[in-house]
Protein backbone atom coordinates (compact mmCIF):
# COMPACT_ATOMS: atom_id res chain seq x y z
CA MET A 1 -18.77 3.72 -25.35
CA THR A 2 -20.37 1.40 -22.62
CA SER A 3 -18.64 2.79 -19.40
CA LEU A 4 -17.58 6.13 -18.14
CA VAL A 5 -15.43 6.57 -14.87
CA ILE A 6 -15.05 10.22 -13.41
CA VAL A 7 -12.33 10.32 -10.52
CA GLY A 8 -12.49 13.61 -8.71
CA ARG A 9 -10.22 15.59 -6.35
CA ARG A 10 -11.62 18.25 -3.96
CA TRP A 11 -9.27 20.78 -1.89
CA PHE A 12 -10.55 23.26 0.61
CA ASP A 13 -8.75 26.56 0.86
CA ARG A 14 -8.93 27.52 4.32
CA VAL A 15 -7.55 31.04 4.07
CA ASN A 16 -10.27 32.09 1.52
CA GLY A 17 -12.89 29.58 2.48
CA ASN A 18 -13.48 28.14 -1.01
CA THR A 19 -13.42 24.83 -2.53
CA TYR A 20 -11.81 23.65 -5.57
CA HIS A 21 -11.67 20.61 -7.65
CA SER A 22 -10.32 18.51 -10.46
CA SER A 23 -11.64 15.62 -12.44
CA GLU A 24 -10.18 12.89 -14.44
CA MET A 25 -12.37 10.87 -17.11
CA VAL A 26 -11.94 7.39 -18.46
CA ILE A 27 -14.02 5.94 -20.94
CA ASP A 28 -14.12 2.20 -21.68
CA GLY A 29 -10.63 2.09 -19.54
CA GLU A 30 -8.86 4.84 -21.52
CA CYS A 31 -7.96 8.12 -19.89
CA VAL A 32 -9.61 10.75 -22.04
CA GLY A 33 -8.92 13.79 -20.22
CA LYS A 34 -8.60 15.85 -17.33
CA VAL A 35 -10.38 18.95 -16.01
CA PRO A 36 -7.75 21.17 -14.00
CA MET A 37 -8.32 22.90 -10.93
CA THR A 38 -11.47 24.97 -10.93
CA TYR A 39 -14.04 26.41 -8.37
CA GLY A 40 -16.85 24.08 -7.21
CA TYR A 41 -17.68 21.95 -4.08
CA GLY A 42 -19.76 18.60 -3.57
CA ASP A 43 -20.51 16.88 -6.72
CA GLN A 44 -19.39 19.70 -9.11
CA TYR A 45 -16.46 17.77 -10.34
CA ILE A 46 -19.04 15.54 -12.43
CA ASP A 47 -20.60 18.81 -13.91
CA SER A 48 -17.24 19.99 -14.81
CA ALA A 49 -16.33 16.46 -16.40
CA PHE A 50 -19.64 16.31 -18.41
CA ASP A 51 -19.05 19.82 -19.95
CA TYR A 52 -15.34 18.84 -20.87
CA LEU A 53 -16.42 15.65 -22.53
CA GLU A 54 -19.09 17.47 -24.43
CA LYS A 55 -16.84 20.17 -25.53
CA LYS A 56 -14.56 17.60 -26.79
CA ASN A 57 -17.50 15.51 -28.52
CA LEU A 58 -16.46 12.31 -26.45
CA ILE A 59 -20.26 12.00 -25.36
CA PRO A 60 -23.37 12.64 -26.73
CA LEU A 61 -24.89 16.07 -25.88
CA ARG A 62 -26.97 16.56 -22.92
CA GLU A 63 -30.76 17.83 -23.71
CA ARG A 64 -30.99 21.63 -23.39
CA TYR A 65 -34.15 23.06 -22.44
CA SER A 66 -35.88 26.38 -23.14
CA THR A 67 -35.18 27.93 -19.97
CA GLY A 68 -31.33 27.71 -20.67
CA SER A 69 -30.53 24.92 -18.41
CA LYS A 70 -29.27 21.33 -19.53
CA GLU A 71 -29.87 17.84 -18.82
CA GLN A 72 -28.47 16.63 -15.27
CA PRO A 73 -25.84 13.97 -15.62
CA TYR A 74 -28.19 11.49 -13.71
CA GLN A 75 -30.77 12.05 -16.42
CA TRP A 76 -28.28 12.01 -19.02
CA VAL A 77 -27.18 8.37 -17.73
CA GLU A 78 -30.69 7.09 -17.48
CA ARG A 79 -31.54 8.28 -21.16
CA THR A 80 -28.41 6.78 -22.59
CA GLY A 81 -27.85 3.71 -20.84
CA ILE A 82 -24.36 4.25 -20.40
CA LYS A 83 -22.77 2.98 -17.00
CA VAL A 84 -21.16 5.89 -15.34
CA PHE A 85 -19.29 5.44 -12.04
CA SER A 86 -17.85 8.50 -10.18
CA THR A 87 -15.91 8.88 -6.87
CA ALA A 88 -14.19 11.81 -5.24
CA SER A 89 -11.30 12.21 -2.33
CA GLU A 90 -10.47 15.25 -0.46
CA VAL A 91 -6.75 16.14 -0.69
CA ARG A 92 -4.66 18.29 1.71
CA SER A 93 -3.16 20.81 -0.59
CA LYS A 94 -3.67 22.74 -3.87
CA LYS A 95 -0.58 20.54 -5.78
CA ASP A 96 -2.63 17.22 -5.14
CA LEU A 97 -5.53 18.44 -7.39
């Protein structure tokens, strides 16, 4: 693997005040999966993508710490040297996720 592209979509549920996202992952030009709608705002779509890719054994695992936390995506990128590109867009409706 030389490159990973993460495309996120975010939707704000105005009625309940929650933000949801979905993520699509492309490794070396091939779409390898999609995280369906899940709760999370900001850059959470990146963490969701990394969790999905780890569960499917598509990327090397992130380091785990004694505190129970795991290596952040930017730390993983620095350690592995794999090029990662991410982008997100806001969508108007839930069905656009």
